Amino acid sequence: MSDAGKPSLLAGFKEFVMRGNVIDLAVAVVIGAAFSSVVNSVVNGIINPLVGAFGTKDLAGYSSCLKGPCVANEKGEVTSGIHILWGSVLSAALTFLITAAVVYFLMVLPMARYLARRAARQQPVEVVEPVKEEVEEIALLRDIRDALVAPRSGGAG
């Protein structure tokens, strides 16, 4: 049951998928997932050990205990106390900041500059038209001035 004026469900889906935005989004998700693993490797393989070299342990190993001493069993699970893993939160924040910086400086900023240059090239230059209008206005103002001065000079001379 499809009305003559309404596109079919399949045609609407095809139009949605064939739009450039959906394909761009799909590519961005795939590249983002691949890039995320690279950034995670950099943080876990370089930054966390560097913090460990200057500190006492790996960045992800830093933690604090609330509500009394934390007691852990033989598996390493905390059985009493509240264990706060602030080192892993800091590591995740560093991962996010590095990812955001690289995406902005290597993808967003160059694309914005490219689009600005492209828009500037496509924009027509309309310098001649305003100049012509200004010349006509100046000529009109001169005619008005001459018409106002003519009765004075004609009556006085």
C-alpha atoms as a PDB file:
ATOM      1  CA  MET A   1       0.000   0.000   0.000  1.00  0.00           C
ATOM      2  CA  SER A   2       2.009   2.937  -1.193  1.00  0.00           C
ATOM      3  CA  ASP A   3       0.563   6.266  -2.169  1.00  0.00           C
ATOM      4  CA  ALA A   4       1.546   7.764  -5.502  1.00  0.00           C
ATOM      5  CA  GLY A   5       3.079  10.846  -3.848  1.00  0.00           C
ATOM      6  CA  LYS A   6       5.046   8.952  -1.172  1.00  0.00           C
ATOM      7  CA  PRO A   7       8.352   7.253  -1.980  1.00  0.00           C
ATOM      8  CA  SER A   8       8.616   3.637  -0.929  1.00  0.00           C
ATOM      9  CA  LEU A   9      10.425   2.633   2.249  1.00  0.00           C
ATOM     10  CA  LEU A  10      13.234   1.027   0.284  1.00  0.00           C
ATOM     11  CA  ALA A  11      13.673   4.116  -1.924  1.00  0.00           C
ATOM     12  CA  GLY A  12      13.897   6.336   1.161  1.00  0.00           C
ATOM     13  CA  PHE A  13      16.506   4.041   2.694  1.00  0.00           C
ATOM     14  CA  LYS A  14      18.495   4.014  -0.558  1.00  0.00           C
ATOM     15  CA  GLU A  15      18.423   7.836  -0.650  1.00  0.00           C
ATOM     16  CA  PHE A  16      19.592   7.983   2.987  1.00  0.00           C
ATOM     17  CA  VAL A  17      22.485   5.586   2.406  1.00  0.00           C
ATOM     18  CA  MET A  18      23.613   7.232  -0.820  1.00  0.00           C
ATOM     19  CA  ARG A  19      23.922  10.662   0.779  1.00  0.00           C
ATOM     20  CA  GLY A  20      27.529  11.714   1.252  1.00  0.00           C
ATOM     21  CA  ASN A  21      27.087  12.352   4.978  1.00  0.00           C
ATOM     22  CA  VAL A  22      26.411   8.706   5.810  1.00  0.00           C
ATOM     23  CA  ILE A  23      29.402   7.458   3.863  1.00  0.00           C
ATOM     24  CA  ASP A  24      31.639  10.131   5.408  1.00  0.00           C
ATOM     25  CA  LEU A  25      30.420   9.151   8.855  1.00  0.00           C
ATOM     26  CA  ALA A  26      31.105   5.466   8.207  1.00  0.00           C
ATOM     27  CA  VAL A  27      34.640   6.248   7.051  1.00  0.00           C
ATOM     28  CA  ALA A  28      35.197   8.460  10.095  1.00  0.00           C
ATOM     29  CA  VAL A  29      34.088   5.699  12.472  1.00  0.00           C
ATOM     30  CA  VAL A  30      36.395   3.133  10.862  1.00  0.00           C
ATOM     31  CA  ILE A  31      39.374   5.509  10.860  1.00  0.00           C
ATOM     32  CA  GLY A  32      38.584   6.595  14.419  1.00  0.00           C
ATOM     33  CA  ALA A  33      38.528   3.007  15.647  1.00  0.00           C
ATOM     34  CA  ALA A  34      41.860   2.259  13.974  1.00  0.00           C
ATOM     35  CA  PHE A  35      43.380   5.490  15.244  1.00  0.00           C
ATOM     36  CA  SER A  36      42.103   4.838  18.770  1.00  0.00           C
ATOM     37  CA  SER A  37      44.143   1.644  18.991  1.00  0.00           C
ATOM     38  CA  VAL A  38      47.258   3.551  17.878  1.00  0.00           C
ATOM     39  CA  VAL A  39      46.749   6.224  20.547  1.00  0.00           C
ATOM     40  CA  ASN A  40      46.058   3.583  23.203  1.00  0.00           C
ATOM     41  CA  SER A  41      49.318   1.875  22.266  1.00  0.00           C
ATOM     42  CA  VAL A  42      51.232   5.165  22.545  1.00  0.00           C
ATOM     43  CA  VAL A  43      49.749   5.957  25.960  1.00  0.00           C
ATOM     44  CA  ASN A  44      50.130   2.422  27.328  1.00  0.00           C
ATOM     45  CA  GLY A  45      53.492   1.734  25.703  1.00  0.00           C
ATOM     46  CA  ILE A  46      55.273   5.091  26.070  1.00  0.00           C
ATOM     47  CA  ILE A  47      53.525   7.563  28.391  1.00  0.00           C
ATOM     48  CA  ASN A  48      52.556   5.162  31.181  1.00  0.00           C
ATOM     49  CA  PRO A  49      56.073   3.634  31.414  1.00  0.00           C
ATOM     50  CA  LEU A  50      57.645   7.133  31.326  1.00  0.00           C
ATOM     51  CA  VAL A  51      55.506   8.094  34.305  1.00  0.00           C
ATOM     52  CA  GLY A  52      56.632   4.847  35.919  1.00  0.00           C
ATOM     53  CA  ALA A  53      60.275   5.738  35.286  1.00  0.00           C
ATOM     54  CA  PHE A  54      59.893   9.077  37.085  1.00  0.00           C
ATOM     55  CA  GLY A  55      57.385   7.849  39.664  1.00  0.00           C
ATOM     56  CA  THR A  56      57.166   4.603  41.575  1.00  0.00           C
ATOM     57  CA  LYS A  57      54.890   2.643  39.232  1.00  0.00           C
ATOM     58  CA  ASP A  58      53.053   2.656  35.918  1.00  0.00           C
ATOM     59  CA  LEU A  59      50.466   5.455  35.516  1.00  0.00           C
ATOM     60  CA  ALA A  60      47.581   2.979  35.513  1.00  0.00           C
ATOM     61  CA  GLY A  61      48.867   1.529  38.794  1.00  0.00           C
ATOM     62  CA  TYR A  62      48.337   4.682  40.845  1.00  0.00           C
ATOM     63  CA  SER A  63      45.347   4.461  43.160  1.00  0.00           C
ATOM     64  CA  SER A  64      44.027   5.573  46.514  1.00  0.00           C
ATOM     65  CA  CYS A  65      41.892   3.975  49.178  1.00  0.00           C
ATOM     66  CA  LEU A  66      38.895   5.545  50.872  1.00  0.00           C
ATOM     67  CA  LYS A  67      37.166   4.339  54.055  1.00  0.00           C
ATOM     68  CA  GLY A  68      39.991   2.660  55.855  1.00  0.00           C
ATOM     69  CA  PRO A  69      42.791   0.518  54.506  1.00  0.00           C
ATOM     70  CA  CYS A  70      42.110  -1.447  51.352  1.00  0.00           C
ATOM     71  CA  VAL A  71      42.611  -5.154  51.807  1.00  0.00           C
ATOM     72  CA  ALA A  72      43.125  -7.293  48.710  1.00  0.00           C
ATOM     73  CA  ASN A  73      42.838 -11.059  48.380  1.00  0.00           C
ATOM     74  CA  GLU A  74      45.297 -13.330  46.550  1.00  0.00           C
ATOM     75  CA  LYS A  75      43.626 -12.534  43.181  1.00  0.00           C
ATOM     76  CA  GLY A  76      44.262  -8.805  43.645  1.00  0.00           C
ATOM     77  CA  GLU A  77      40.598  -7.973  44.203  1.00  0.00           C
ATOM     78  CA  VAL A  78      39.883  -5.419  46.918  1.00  0.00           C
ATOM     79  CA  THR A  79      37.751  -6.994  49.644  1.00  0.00           C
ATOM     80  CA  SER A  80      37.451  -4.064  52.063  1.00  0.00           C
ATOM     81  CA  GLY A  81      37.712  -0.310  51.601  1.00  0.00           C
ATOM     82  CA  ILE A  82      36.906   1.767  48.557  1.00  0.00           C
ATOM     83  CA  HIS A  83      39.615   1.515  45.931  1.00  0.00           C
ATOM     84  CA  ILE A  84      39.906   4.583  43.632  1.00  0.00           C
ATOM     85  CA  LEU A  85      41.908   3.925  40.434  1.00  0.00           C
ATOM     86  CA  TRP A  86      42.734   7.532  39.580  1.00  0.00           C
ATOM     87  CA  GLY A  87      45.809   6.544  37.553  1.00  0.00           C
ATOM     88  CA  SER A  88      43.733   4.689  34.983  1.00  0.00           C
ATOM     89  CA  VAL A  89      41.334   7.650  34.797  1.00  0.00           C
ATOM     90  CA  LEU A  90      44.278   9.979  34.160  1.00  0.00           C
ATOM     91  CA  SER A  91      45.582   7.576  31.516  1.00  0.00           C
ATOM     92  CA  ALA A  92      42.185   7.575  29.777  1.00  0.00           C
ATOM     93  CA  ALA A  93      42.069  11.392  29.936  1.00  0.00           C
ATOM     94  CA  LEU A  94      45.526  11.564  28.326  1.00  0.00           C
ATOM     95  CA  THR A  95      44.367   9.160  25.623  1.00  0.00           C
ATOM     96  CA  PHE A  96      41.356  11.372  24.940  1.00  0.00           C
ATOM     97  CA  LEU A  97      43.416  14.590  24.831  1.00  0.00           C
ATOM     98  CA  ILE A  98      45.999  13.086  22.482  1.00  0.00           C
ATOM     99  CA  THR A  99      43.269  11.714  20.208  1.00  0.00           C
ATOM    100  CA  ALA A 100      41.403  15.037  20.184  1.00  0.00           C
ATOM    101  CA  ALA A 101      44.595  17.020  19.472  1.00  0.00           C
ATOM    102  CA  VAL A 102      45.662  14.770  16.604  1.00  0.00           C
ATOM    103  CA  VAL A 103      42.185  14.723  15.062  1.00  0.00           C
ATOM    104  CA  TYR A 104      41.923  18.516  15.321  1.00  0.00           C
ATOM    105  CA  PHE A 105      45.400  19.396  14.055  1.00  0.00           C
ATOM    106  CA  LEU A 106      45.711  16.690  11.383  1.00  0.00           C
ATOM    107  CA  MET A 107      42.117  16.444  10.153  1.00  0.00           C
ATOM    108  CA  VAL A 108      39.768  19.246  11.207  1.00  0.00           C
ATOM    109  CA  LEU A 109      42.092  22.257  10.839  1.00  0.00           C
ATOM    110  CA  PRO A 110      43.495  21.309   7.398  1.00  0.00           C
ATOM    111  CA  MET A 111      39.986  20.520   6.124  1.00  0.00           C
ATOM    112  CA  ALA A 112      38.659  23.861   7.387  1.00  0.00           C
ATOM    113  CA  ARG A 113      41.521  25.687   5.652  1.00  0.00           C
ATOM    114  CA  TYR A 114      40.919  23.742   2.447  1.00  0.00           C
ATOM    115  CA  LEU A 115      37.201  24.525   2.485  1.00  0.00           C
ATOM    116  CA  ALA A 116      37.888  28.220   3.171  1.00  0.00           C
ATOM    117  CA  ARG A 117      40.310  28.409   0.230  1.00  0.00           C
ATOM    118  CA  ARG A 118      37.845  26.572  -1.984  1.00  0.00           C
ATOM    119  CA  ALA A 119      35.012  28.917  -1.017  1.00  0.00           C
ATOM    120  CA  ALA A 120      37.227  31.947  -1.668  1.00  0.00           C
ATOM    121  CA  ARG A 121      38.073  30.646  -5.147  1.00  0.00           C
ATOM    122  CA  GLN A 122      34.450  29.951  -6.006  1.00  0.00           C
ATOM    123  CA  GLN A 123      33.178  33.312  -4.780  1.00  0.00           C
ATOM    124  CA  PRO A 124      32.861  35.737  -7.717  1.00  0.00           C
ATOM    125  CA  VAL A 125      34.652  39.032  -7.403  1.00  0.00           C
ATOM    126  CA  GLU A 126      32.220  41.969  -7.696  1.00  0.00           C
ATOM    127  CA  VAL A 127      34.514  44.969  -7.415  1.00  0.00           C
ATOM    128  CA  VAL A 128      33.547  46.580 -10.722  1.00  0.00           C
ATOM    129  CA  GLU A 129      29.853  47.054  -9.898  1.00  0.00           C
ATOM    130  CA  PRO A 130      30.247  49.121  -6.691  1.00  0.00           C
ATOM    131  CA  VAL A 131      32.874  51.343  -8.366  1.00  0.00           C
ATOM    132  CA  LYS A 132      30.498  52.092 -11.246  1.00  0.00           C
ATOM    133  CA  GLU A 133      27.747  53.000  -8.769  1.00  0.00           C
ATOM    134  CA  GLU A 134      30.116  55.300  -6.862  1.00  0.00           C
ATOM    135  CA  VAL A 135      31.123  57.082 -10.075  1.00  0.00           C
ATOM    136  CA  GLU A 136      27.461  57.633 -10.949  1.00  0.00           C
ATOM    137  CA  GLU A 137      26.776  58.984  -7.437  1.00  0.00           C
ATOM    138  CA  ILE A 138      29.726  61.378  -7.654  1.00  0.00           C
ATOM    139  CA  ALA A 139      28.556  62.657 -11.061  1.00  0.00           C
ATOM    140  CA  LEU A 140      25.040  63.132  -9.693  1.00  0.00           C
ATOM    141  CA  LEU A 141      26.376  65.034  -6.662  1.00  0.00           C
ATOM    142  CA  ARG A 142      28.431  67.286  -8.941  1.00  0.00           C
ATOM    143  CA  ASP A 143      25.342  68.033 -11.043  1.00  0.00           C
ATOM    144  CA  ILE A 144      23.410  68.933  -7.886  1.00  0.00           C
ATOM    145  CA  ARG A 145      26.250  71.155  -6.695  1.00  0.00           C
ATOM    146  CA  ASP A 146      26.476  72.897 -10.057  1.00  0.00           C
ATOM    147  CA  ALA A 147      22.706  73.400 -10.115  1.00  0.00           C
ATOM    148  CA  LEU A 148      22.791  74.962  -6.639  1.00  0.00           C
ATOM    149  CA  VAL A 149      25.766  77.187  -7.411  1.00  0.00           C
ATOM    150  CA  ALA A 150      24.491  78.339 -10.835  1.00  0.00           C
ATOM    151  CA  PRO A 151      21.673  80.610  -9.527  1.00  0.00           C
ATOM    152  CA  ARG A 152      24.067  82.296  -7.088  1.00  0.00           C
ATOM    153  CA  SER A 153      26.781  82.942  -9.615  1.00  0.00           C
ATOM    154  CA  GLY A 154      24.247  83.931 -12.304  1.00  0.00           C
ATOM    155  CA  GLY A 155      22.546  86.503 -10.026  1.00  0.00           C
ATOM    156  CA  ALA A 156      25.801  87.915  -8.629  1.00  0.00           C
ATOM    157  CA  GLY A 157      27.677  88.130 -11.955  1.00  0.00           C
END
